[in-house]
Amino acid sequence: MKELNLSQYGPIVSSKTVGEEIYSLIKSSLAKEQNITVNLENIKSMATFCAKQIFGKIYIELGSQQFFDRITLKGADSDLKTIIQIGIQHALEEQK
């Protein structure tokens, strides 16, 4: 299992450009590896639009089961996990 350390993007992920970079990094890693760990230890916060841009888009592309089977989030505190959940929820609402 490959681990992607996102510390160089922290402590706050809040720009569209950074969101695109992280999305591309995760997407290319998923193309090469069955499962990945996304290390968020040094990420203190993330804009909800970035969470939607990164995790919401991947969630829609993979589907719920594969998203949770293939991606492990490491080091995210409860606030960051909530932001990611909101991003996924917003992506799903936009898809309708």
PDB file of N, CA and C in Angstrom:
ATOM      1  N   MET A   1       0.849  -1.176   0.000  1.00  0.00           N
ATOM      2  CA  MET A   1       0.000   0.000   0.000  1.00  0.00           C
ATOM      3  C   MET A   1       0.894   1.239   0.000  1.00  0.00           C
ATOM      4  N   LYS A   2       0.664   2.103  -0.933  1.00  0.00           N
ATOM      5  CA  LYS A   2       1.453   3.332  -1.052  1.00  0.00           C
ATOM      6  C   LYS A   2       0.883   4.393  -0.113  1.00  0.00           C
ATOM      7  N   GLU A   3       1.783   5.162   0.500  1.00  0.00           N
ATOM      8  CA  GLU A   3       1.356   6.272   1.348  1.00  0.00           C
ATOM      9  C   GLU A   3       1.704   7.590   0.689  1.00  0.00           C
ATOM     10  N   LEU A   4       0.710   8.450   0.569  1.00  0.00           N
ATOM     11  CA  LEU A   4       0.893   9.794   0.016  1.00  0.00           C
ATOM     12  C   LEU A   4       0.915  10.783   1.170  1.00  0.00           C
ATOM     13  N   ASN A   5       2.035  11.442   1.373  1.00  0.00           N
ATOM     14  CA  ASN A   5       2.153  12.422   2.436  1.00  0.00           C
ATOM     15  C   ASN A   5       1.863  13.805   1.858  1.00  0.00           C
ATOM     16  N   LEU A   6       0.840  14.441   2.388  1.00  0.00           N
ATOM     17  CA  LEU A   6       0.407  15.734   1.857  1.00  0.00           C
ATOM     18  C   LEU A   6       0.945  16.917   2.664  1.00  0.00           C
ATOM     19  N   SER A   7       1.958  16.683   3.499  1.00  0.00           N
ATOM     20  CA  SER A   7       2.449  17.742   4.387  1.00  0.00           C
ATOM     21  C   SER A   7       2.937  18.978   3.630  1.00  0.00           C
ATOM     22  N   GLN A   8       3.469  18.798   2.417  1.00  0.00           N
ATOM     23  CA  GLN A   8       3.972  19.956   1.673  1.00  0.00           C
ATOM     24  C   GLN A   8       2.843  20.888   1.231  1.00  0.00           C
ATOM     25  N   TYR A   9       1.595  20.428   1.302  1.00  0.00           N
ATOM     26  CA  TYR A   9       0.461  21.254   0.894  1.00  0.00           C
ATOM     27  C   TYR A   9      -0.179  21.987   2.077  1.00  0.00           C
ATOM     28  N   GLY A  10       0.279  21.700   3.302  1.00  0.00           N
ATOM     29  CA  GLY A  10      -0.348  22.232   4.501  1.00  0.00           C
ATOM     30  C   GLY A  10       0.272  23.528   4.966  1.00  0.00           C
ATOM     31  N   PRO A  11      -0.177  24.021   6.079  1.00  0.00           N
ATOM     32  CA  PRO A  11      -1.149  23.386   6.972  1.00  0.00           C
ATOM     33  C   PRO A  11      -2.608  23.583   6.564  1.00  0.00           C
ATOM     34  N   ILE A  12      -2.860  24.476   5.607  1.00  0.00           N
ATOM     35  CA  ILE A  12      -4.240  24.709   5.169  1.00  0.00           C
ATOM     36  C   ILE A  12      -4.314  24.534   3.654  1.00  0.00           C
ATOM     37  N   VAL A  13      -5.216  23.686   3.211  1.00  0.00           N
ATOM     38  CA  VAL A  13      -5.450  23.473   1.778  1.00  0.00           C
ATOM     39  C   VAL A  13      -6.648  24.339   1.403  1.00  0.00           C
ATOM     40  N   SER A  14      -6.368  25.397   0.621  1.00  0.00           N
ATOM     41  CA  SER A  14      -7.465  26.326   0.351  1.00  0.00           C
ATOM     42  C   SER A  14      -7.457  26.917  -1.052  1.00  0.00           C
ATOM     43  N   SER A  15      -6.587  26.419  -1.929  1.00  0.00           N
ATOM     44  CA  SER A  15      -6.601  26.970  -3.283  1.00  0.00           C
ATOM     45  C   SER A  15      -6.972  25.897  -4.305  1.00  0.00           C
ATOM     46  N   LYS A  16      -7.591  26.347  -5.366  1.00  0.00           N
ATOM     47  CA  LYS A  16      -8.005  25.440  -6.437  1.00  0.00           C
ATOM     48  C   LYS A  16      -6.799  24.732  -7.049  1.00  0.00           C
ATOM     49  N   THR A  17      -5.701  25.450  -7.210  1.00  0.00           N
ATOM     50  CA  THR A  17      -4.491  24.882  -7.801  1.00  0.00           C
ATOM     51  C   THR A  17      -3.938  23.738  -6.952  1.00  0.00           C
ATOM     52  N   VAL A  18      -3.873  23.959  -5.648  1.00  0.00           N
ATOM     53  CA  VAL A  18      -3.383  22.906  -4.743  1.00  0.00           C
ATOM     54  C   VAL A  18      -4.354  21.728  -4.757  1.00  0.00           C
ATOM     55  N   GLY A  19      -5.637  22.011  -4.763  1.00  0.00           N
ATOM     56  CA  GLY A  19      -6.641  20.944  -4.833  1.00  0.00           C
ATOM     57  C   GLY A  19      -6.471  20.096  -6.084  1.00  0.00           C
ATOM     58  N   GLU A  20      -6.212  20.742  -7.208  1.00  0.00           N
ATOM     59  CA  GLU A  20      -5.991  20.010  -8.462  1.00  0.00           C
ATOM     60  C   GLU A  20      -4.740  19.135  -8.385  1.00  0.00           C
ATOM     61  N   GLU A  21      -3.681  19.661  -7.757  1.00  0.00           N
ATOM     62  CA  GLU A  21      -2.446  18.879  -7.605  1.00  0.00           C
ATOM     63  C   GLU A  21      -2.679  17.637  -6.749  1.00  0.00           C
ATOM     64  N   ILE A  22      -3.375  17.825  -5.628  1.00  0.00           N
ATOM     65  CA  ILE A  22      -3.639  16.693  -4.729  1.00  0.00           C
ATOM     66  C   ILE A  22      -4.530  15.673  -5.417  1.00  0.00           C
ATOM     67  N   TYR A  23      -5.575  16.143  -6.100  1.00  0.00           N
ATOM     68  CA  TYR A  23      -6.460  15.231  -6.828  1.00  0.00           C
ATOM     69  C   TYR A  23      -5.661  14.406  -7.837  1.00  0.00           C
ATOM     70  N   SER A  24      -4.803  15.065  -8.616  1.00  0.00           N
ATOM     71  CA  SER A  24      -4.003  14.367  -9.630  1.00  0.00           C
ATOM     72  C   SER A  24      -3.051  13.354  -8.994  1.00  0.00           C
ATOM     73  N   LEU A  25      -2.467  13.719  -7.867  1.00  0.00           N
ATOM     74  CA  LEU A  25      -1.568  12.815  -7.151  1.00  0.00           C
ATOM     75  C   LEU A  25      -2.303  11.559  -6.683  1.00  0.00           C
ATOM     76  N   ILE A  26      -3.461  11.752  -6.085  1.00  0.00           N
ATOM     77  CA  ILE A  26      -4.245  10.610  -5.603  1.00  0.00           C
ATOM     78  C   ILE A  26      -4.725   9.764  -6.779  1.00  0.00           C
ATOM     79  N   LYS A  27      -5.231  10.406  -7.811  1.00  0.00           N
ATOM     80  CA  LYS A  27      -5.756   9.706  -8.990  1.00  0.00           C
ATOM     81  C   LYS A  27      -4.671   8.868  -9.665  1.00  0.00           C
ATOM     82  N   SER A  28      -3.479   9.438  -9.853  1.00  0.00           N
ATOM     83  CA  SER A  28      -2.405   8.679 -10.503  1.00  0.00           C
ATOM     84  C   SER A  28      -1.923   7.538  -9.612  1.00  0.00           C
ATOM     85  N   SER A  29      -1.924   7.738  -8.314  1.00  0.00           N
ATOM     86  CA  SER A  29      -1.526   6.661  -7.397  1.00  0.00           C
ATOM     87  C   SER A  29      -2.537   5.525  -7.418  1.00  0.00           C
ATOM     88  N   LEU A  30      -3.805   5.854  -7.507  1.00  0.00           N
ATOM     89  CA  LEU A  30      -4.843   4.819  -7.579  1.00  0.00           C
ATOM     90  C   LEU A  30      -4.760   4.030  -8.876  1.00  0.00           C
ATOM     91  N   ALA A  31      -4.246   4.647  -9.930  1.00  0.00           N
ATOM     92  CA  ALA A  31      -4.085   3.940 -11.205  1.00  0.00           C
ATOM     93  C   ALA A  31      -2.968   2.903 -11.119  1.00  0.00           C
ATOM     94  N   LYS A  32      -1.993   3.145 -10.223  1.00  0.00           N
ATOM     95  CA  LYS A  32      -0.839   2.252 -10.090  1.00  0.00           C
ATOM     96  C   LYS A  32      -0.971   1.262  -8.944  1.00  0.00           C
ATOM     97  N   GLU A  33      -1.704   1.638  -7.912  1.00  0.00           N
ATOM     98  CA  GLU A  33      -1.813   0.831  -6.690  1.00  0.00           C
ATOM     99  C   GLU A  33      -3.269   0.459  -6.448  1.00  0.00           C
ATOM    100  N   GLN A  34      -3.468  -0.704  -5.859  1.00  0.00           N
ATOM    101  CA  GLN A  34      -4.830  -1.120  -5.504  1.00  0.00           C
ATOM    102  C   GLN A  34      -5.358  -0.258  -4.354  1.00  0.00           C
ATOM    103  N   ASN A  35      -4.516  -0.065  -3.341  1.00  0.00           N
ATOM    104  CA  ASN A  35      -4.925   0.693  -2.160  1.00  0.00           C
ATOM    105  C   ASN A  35      -3.868   1.734  -1.825  1.00  0.00           C
ATOM    106  N   ILE A  36      -4.327   2.868  -1.309  1.00  0.00           N
ATOM    107  CA  ILE A  36      -3.398   3.911  -0.899  1.00  0.00           C
ATOM    108  C   ILE A  36      -3.803   4.465   0.470  1.00  0.00           C
ATOM    109  N   THR A  37      -2.819   5.034   1.147  1.00  0.00           N
ATOM    110  CA  THR A  37      -3.053   5.767   2.385  1.00  0.00           C
ATOM    111  C   THR A  37      -2.730   7.226   2.111  1.00  0.00           C
ATOM    112  N   VAL A  38      -3.643   8.107   2.462  1.00  0.00           N
ATOM    113  CA  VAL A  38      -3.427   9.540   2.303  1.00  0.00           C
ATOM    114  C   VAL A  38      -3.110  10.093   3.694  1.00  0.00           C
ATOM    115  N   ASN A  39      -1.861  10.504   3.879  1.00  0.00           N
ATOM    116  CA  ASN A  39      -1.388  11.002   5.169  1.00  0.00           C
ATOM    117  C   ASN A  39      -1.702  12.495   5.275  1.00  0.00           C
ATOM    118  N   LEU A  40      -2.603  12.816   6.192  1.00  0.00           N
ATOM    119  CA  LEU A  40      -3.065  14.196   6.376  1.00  0.00           C
ATOM    120  C   LEU A  40      -2.586  14.780   7.703  1.00  0.00           C
ATOM    121  N   GLU A  41      -1.554  14.195   8.310  1.00  0.00           N
ATOM    122  CA  GLU A  41      -1.116  14.599   9.642  1.00  0.00           C
ATOM    123  C   GLU A  41      -0.794  16.085   9.755  1.00  0.00           C
ATOM    124  N   ASN A  42      -0.184  16.682   8.765  1.00  0.00           N
ATOM    125  CA  ASN A  42       0.195  18.094   8.842  1.00  0.00           C
ATOM    126  C   ASN A  42      -0.818  19.032   8.201  1.00  0.00           C
ATOM    127  N   ILE A  43      -1.959  18.502   7.818  1.00  0.00           N
ATOM    128  CA  ILE A  43      -3.036  19.335   7.279  1.00  0.00           C
ATOM    129  C   ILE A  43      -3.988  19.652   8.439  1.00  0.00           C
ATOM    130  N   LYS A  44      -4.068  20.911   8.791  1.00  0.00           N
ATOM    131  CA  LYS A  44      -4.907  21.331   9.924  1.00  0.00           C
ATOM    132  C   LYS A  44      -6.329  21.668   9.476  1.00  0.00           C
ATOM    133  N   SER A  45      -6.456  22.150   8.238  1.00  0.00           N
ATOM    134  CA  SER A  45      -7.780  22.514   7.738  1.00  0.00           C
ATOM    135  C   SER A  45      -7.781  22.478   6.221  1.00  0.00           C
ATOM    136  N   MET A  46      -8.982  22.442   5.676  1.00  0.00           N
ATOM    137  CA  MET A  46      -9.147  22.382   4.228  1.00  0.00           C
ATOM    138  C   MET A  46     -10.445  23.105   3.888  1.00  0.00           C
ATOM    139  N   ALA A  47     -10.403  23.916   2.850  1.00  0.00           N
ATOM    140  CA  ALA A  47     -11.630  24.557   2.386  1.00  0.00           C
ATOM    141  C   ALA A  47     -12.582  23.475   1.882  1.00  0.00           C
ATOM    142  N   THR A  48     -13.866  23.638   2.155  1.00  0.00           N
ATOM    143  CA  THR A  48     -14.815  22.601   1.733  1.00  0.00           C
ATOM    144  C   THR A  48     -14.835  22.439   0.218  1.00  0.00           C
ATOM    145  N   PHE A  49     -14.604  23.532  -0.533  1.00  0.00           N
ATOM    146  CA  PHE A  49     -14.581  23.376  -1.987  1.00  0.00           C
ATOM    147  C   PHE A  49     -13.379  22.529  -2.417  1.00  0.00           C
ATOM    148  N   CYS A  50     -12.272  22.586  -1.672  1.00  0.00           N
ATOM    149  CA  CYS A  50     -11.123  21.722  -1.980  1.00  0.00           C
ATOM    150  C   CYS A  50     -11.437  20.268  -1.632  1.00  0.00           C
ATOM    151  N   ALA A  51     -12.110  20.062  -0.522  1.00  0.00           N
ATOM    152  CA  ALA A  51     -12.504  18.698  -0.140  1.00  0.00           C
ATOM    153  C   ALA A  51     -13.421  18.097  -1.206  1.00  0.00           C
ATOM    154  N   LYS A  52     -14.323  18.923  -1.734  1.00  0.00           N
ATOM    155  CA  LYS A  52     -15.210  18.469  -2.815  1.00  0.00           C
ATOM    156  C   LYS A  52     -14.410  18.201  -4.080  1.00  0.00           C
ATOM    157  N   GLN A  53     -13.494  19.102  -4.397  1.00  0.00           N
ATOM    158  CA  GLN A  53     -12.669  19.000  -5.605  1.00  0.00           C
ATOM    159  C   GLN A  53     -11.789  17.749  -5.565  1.00  0.00           C
ATOM    160  N   ILE A  54     -11.303  17.387  -4.393  1.00  0.00           N
ATOM    161  CA  ILE A  54     -10.398  16.243  -4.266  1.00  0.00           C
ATOM    162  C   ILE A  54     -11.188  14.971  -3.962  1.00  0.00           C
ATOM    163  N   PHE A  55     -11.713  14.905  -2.745  1.00  0.00           N
ATOM    164  CA  PHE A  55     -12.312  13.665  -2.258  1.00  0.00           C
ATOM    165  C   PHE A  55     -13.714  13.421  -2.812  1.00  0.00           C
ATOM    166  N   GLY A  56     -14.476  14.491  -3.029  1.00  0.00           N
ATOM    167  CA  GLY A  56     -15.809  14.326  -3.604  1.00  0.00           C
ATOM    168  C   GLY A  56     -15.740  13.775  -5.019  1.00  0.00           C
ATOM    169  N   LYS A  57     -14.821  14.306  -5.798  1.00  0.00           N
ATOM    170  CA  LYS A  57     -14.665  13.854  -7.190  1.00  0.00           C
ATOM    171  C   LYS A  57     -14.212  12.396  -7.243  1.00  0.00           C
ATOM    172  N   ILE A  58     -13.255  12.040  -6.399  1.00  0.00           N
ATOM    173  CA  ILE A  58     -12.765  10.653  -6.370  1.00  0.00           C
ATOM    174  C   ILE A  58     -13.858   9.708  -5.869  1.00  0.00           C
ATOM    175  N   TYR A  59     -14.629  10.160  -4.879  1.00  0.00           N
ATOM    176  CA  TYR A  59     -15.728   9.354  -4.348  1.00  0.00           C
ATOM    177  C   TYR A  59     -16.739   9.039  -5.457  1.00  0.00           C
ATOM    178  N   ILE A  60     -17.078  10.038  -6.246  1.00  0.00           N
ATOM    179  CA  ILE A  60     -18.037   9.833  -7.341  1.00  0.00           C
ATOM    180  C   ILE A  60     -17.447   8.900  -8.398  1.00  0.00           C
ATOM    181  N   GLU A  61     -16.171   9.078  -8.725  1.00  0.00           N
ATOM    182  CA  GLU A  61     -15.536   8.246  -9.745  1.00  0.00           C
ATOM    183  C   GLU A  61     -15.418   6.780  -9.319  1.00  0.00           C
ATOM    184  N   LEU A  62     -15.077   6.554  -8.054  1.00  0.00           N
ATOM    185  CA  LEU A  62     -14.876   5.185  -7.576  1.00  0.00           C
ATOM    186  C   LEU A  62     -16.158   4.520  -7.085  1.00  0.00           C
ATOM    187  N   GLY A  63     -17.075   5.312  -6.576  1.00  0.00           N
ATOM    188  CA  GLY A  63     -18.239   4.766  -5.897  1.00  0.00           C
ATOM    189  C   GLY A  63     -17.908   4.567  -4.424  1.00  0.00           C
ATOM    190  N   SER A  64     -18.933   4.496  -3.618  1.00  0.00           N
ATOM    191  CA  SER A  64     -18.759   4.428  -2.166  1.00  0.00           C
ATOM    192  C   SER A  64     -17.900   3.252  -1.718  1.00  0.00           C
ATOM    193  N   GLN A  65     -18.226   2.064  -2.172  1.00  0.00           N
ATOM    194  CA  GLN A  65     -17.531   0.855  -1.725  1.00  0.00           C
ATOM    195  C   GLN A  65     -16.045   0.902  -2.057  1.00  0.00           C
ATOM    196  N   GLN A  66     -15.722   1.195  -3.306  1.00  0.00           N
ATOM    197  CA  GLN A  66     -14.317   1.237  -3.701  1.00  0.00           C
ATOM    198  C   GLN A  66     -13.564   2.375  -3.034  1.00  0.00           C
ATOM    199  N   PHE A  67     -14.221   3.509  -2.839  1.00  0.00           N
ATOM    200  CA  PHE A  67     -13.568   4.635  -2.173  1.00  0.00           C
ATOM    201  C   PHE A  67     -13.081   4.196  -0.797  1.00  0.00           C
ATOM    202  N   PHE A  68     -13.967   3.604  -0.013  1.00  0.00           N
ATOM    203  CA  PHE A  68     -13.598   3.214   1.349  1.00  0.00           C
ATOM    204  C   PHE A  68     -12.717   1.979   1.389  1.00  0.00           C
ATOM    205  N   ASP A  69     -12.805   1.119   0.384  1.00  0.00           N
ATOM    206  CA  ASP A  69     -11.928  -0.057   0.327  1.00  0.00           C
ATOM    207  C   ASP A  69     -10.505   0.318  -0.087  1.00  0.00           C
ATOM    208  N   ARG A  70     -10.358   1.294  -0.947  1.00  0.00           N
ATOM    209  CA  ARG A  70      -9.056   1.589  -1.553  1.00  0.00           C
ATOM    210  C   ARG A  70      -8.304   2.764  -0.933  1.00  0.00           C
ATOM    211  N   ILE A  71      -9.016   3.650  -0.243  1.00  0.00           N
ATOM    212  CA  ILE A  71      -8.372   4.843   0.313  1.00  0.00           C
ATOM    213  C   ILE A  71      -8.497   4.856   1.827  1.00  0.00           C
ATOM    214  N   THR A  72      -7.352   4.997   2.491  1.00  0.00           N
ATOM    215  CA  THR A  72      -7.315   5.149   3.942  1.00  0.00           C
ATOM    216  C   THR A  72      -6.804   6.542   4.246  1.00  0.00           C
ATOM    217  N   LEU A  73      -7.538   7.249   5.092  1.00  0.00           N
ATOM    218  CA  LEU A  73      -7.110   8.576   5.521  1.00  0.00           C
ATOM    219  C   LEU A  73      -6.378   8.424   6.851  1.00  0.00           C
ATOM    220  N   LYS A  74      -5.167   8.936   6.906  1.00  0.00           N
ATOM    221  CA  LYS A  74      -4.327   8.801   8.091  1.00  0.00           C
ATOM    222  C   LYS A  74      -4.042  10.177   8.680  1.00  0.00           C
ATOM    223  N   GLY A  75      -4.156  10.285   9.986  1.00  0.00           N
ATOM    224  CA  GLY A  75      -3.751  11.501  10.672  1.00  0.00           C
ATOM    225  C   GLY A  75      -4.716  12.666  10.590  1.00  0.00           C
ATOM    226  N   ALA A  76      -5.906  12.433  10.085  1.00  0.00           N
ATOM    227  CA  ALA A  76      -6.899  13.518   9.997  1.00  0.00           C
ATOM    228  C   ALA A  76      -7.651  13.612  11.318  1.00  0.00           C
ATOM    229  N   ASP A  77      -7.715  14.820  11.875  1.00  0.00           N
ATOM    230  CA  ASP A  77      -8.498  14.969  13.098  1.00  0.00           C
ATOM    231  C   ASP A  77      -9.986  15.002  12.750  1.00  0.00           C
ATOM    232  N   SER A  78     -10.817  15.043  13.779  1.00  0.00           N
ATOM    233  CA  SER A  78     -12.266  14.950  13.541  1.00  0.00           C
ATOM    234  C   SER A  78     -12.788  16.131  12.723  1.00  0.00           C
ATOM    235  N   ASP A  79     -12.215  17.320  12.916  1.00  0.00           N
ATOM    236  CA  ASP A  79     -12.657  18.484  12.130  1.00  0.00           C
ATOM    237  C   ASP A  79     -12.354  18.298  10.645  1.00  0.00           C
ATOM    238  N   LEU A  80     -11.148  17.810  10.335  1.00  0.00           N
ATOM    239  CA  LEU A  80     -10.770  17.598   8.934  1.00  0.00           C
ATOM    240  C   LEU A  80     -11.614  16.491   8.305  1.00  0.00           C
ATOM    241  N   LYS A  81     -11.891  15.440   9.056  1.00  0.00           N
ATOM    242  CA  LYS A  81     -12.754  14.368   8.543  1.00  0.00           C
ATOM    243  C   LYS A  81     -14.145  14.906   8.238  1.00  0.00           C
ATOM    244  N   THR A  82     -14.635  15.783   9.089  1.00  0.00           N
ATOM    245  CA  THR A  82     -15.953  16.389   8.853  1.00  0.00           C
ATOM    246  C   THR A  82     -15.943  17.229   7.584  1.00  0.00           C
ATOM    247  N   ILE A  83     -14.884  18.010   7.379  1.00  0.00           N
ATOM    248  CA  ILE A  83     -14.761  18.830   6.164  1.00  0.00           C
ATOM    249  C   ILE A  83     -14.755  17.935   4.923  1.00  0.00           C
ATOM    250  N   ILE A  84     -14.029  16.824   4.984  1.00  0.00           N
ATOM    251  CA  ILE A  84     -13.979  15.890   3.851  1.00  0.00           C
ATOM    252  C   ILE A  84     -15.357  15.286   3.601  1.00  0.00           C
ATOM    253  N   GLN A  85     -16.069  14.923   4.660  1.00  0.00           N
ATOM    254  CA  GLN A  85     -17.425  14.384   4.504  1.00  0.00           C
ATOM    255  C   GLN A  85     -18.361  15.410   3.869  1.00  0.00           C
ATOM    256  N   ILE A  86     -18.237  16.652   4.286  1.00  0.00           N
ATOM    257  CA  ILE A  86     -19.062  17.722   3.703  1.00  0.00           C
ATOM    258  C   ILE A  86     -18.718  17.900   2.226  1.00  0.00           C
ATOM    259  N   GLY A  87     -17.437  17.851   1.888  1.00  0.00           N
ATOM    260  CA  GLY A  87     -17.021  17.950   0.486  1.00  0.00           C
ATOM    261  C   GLY A  87     -17.610  16.837  -0.360  1.00  0.00           C
ATOM    262  N   ILE A  88     -17.602  15.621   0.167  1.00  0.00           N
ATOM    263  CA  ILE A  88     -18.193  14.485  -0.552  1.00  0.00           C
ATOM    264  C   ILE A  88     -19.697  14.693  -0.707  1.00  0.00           C
ATOM    265  N   GLN A  89     -20.339  15.135   0.366  1.00  0.00           N
ATOM    266  CA  GLN A  89     -21.783  15.372   0.320  1.00  0.00           C
ATOM    267  C   GLN A  89     -22.132  16.429  -0.723  1.00  0.00           C
ATOM    268  N   HIS A  90     -21.365  17.509  -0.777  1.00  0.00           N
ATOM    269  CA  HIS A  90     -21.625  18.558  -1.771  1.00  0.00           C
ATOM    270  C   HIS A  90     -21.435  18.044  -3.198  1.00  0.00           C
ATOM    271  N   ALA A  91     -20.431  17.216  -3.399  1.00  0.00           N
ATOM    272  CA  ALA A  91     -20.201  16.635  -4.731  1.00  0.00           C
ATOM    273  C   ALA A  91     -21.375  15.751  -5.139  1.00  0.00           C
ATOM    274  N   LEU A  92     -21.887  14.983  -4.190  1.00  0.00           N
ATOM    275  CA  LEU A  92     -23.026  14.113  -4.484  1.00  0.00           C
ATOM    276  C   LEU A  92     -24.282  14.936  -4.776  1.00  0.00           C
ATOM    277  N   GLU A  93     -24.486  16.018  -4.048  1.00  0.00           N
ATOM    278  CA  GLU A  93     -25.649  16.880  -4.285  1.00  0.00           C
ATOM    279  C   GLU A  93     -25.571  17.555  -5.658  1.00  0.00           C
ATOM    280  N   GLU A  94     -24.381  17.956  -6.055  1.00  0.00           N
ATOM    281  CA  GLU A  94     -24.221  18.582  -7.377  1.00  0.00           C
ATOM    282  C   GLU A  94     -24.452  17.589  -8.512  1.00  0.00           C
ATOM    283  N   GLN A  95     -24.186  16.333  -8.240  1.00  0.00           N
ATOM    284  CA  GLN A  95     -24.330  15.297  -9.273  1.00  0.00           C
ATOM    285  C   GLN A  95     -25.790  15.054  -9.623  1.00  0.00           C
ATOM    286  N   LYS A  96     -26.685  15.330  -8.699  1.00  0.00           N
ATOM    287  CA  LYS A  96     -28.108  15.044  -8.927  1.00  0.00           C
ATOM    288  C   LYS A  96     -28.711  15.922  -9.976  1.00  0.00           C
TER     289      LYS A  96
END
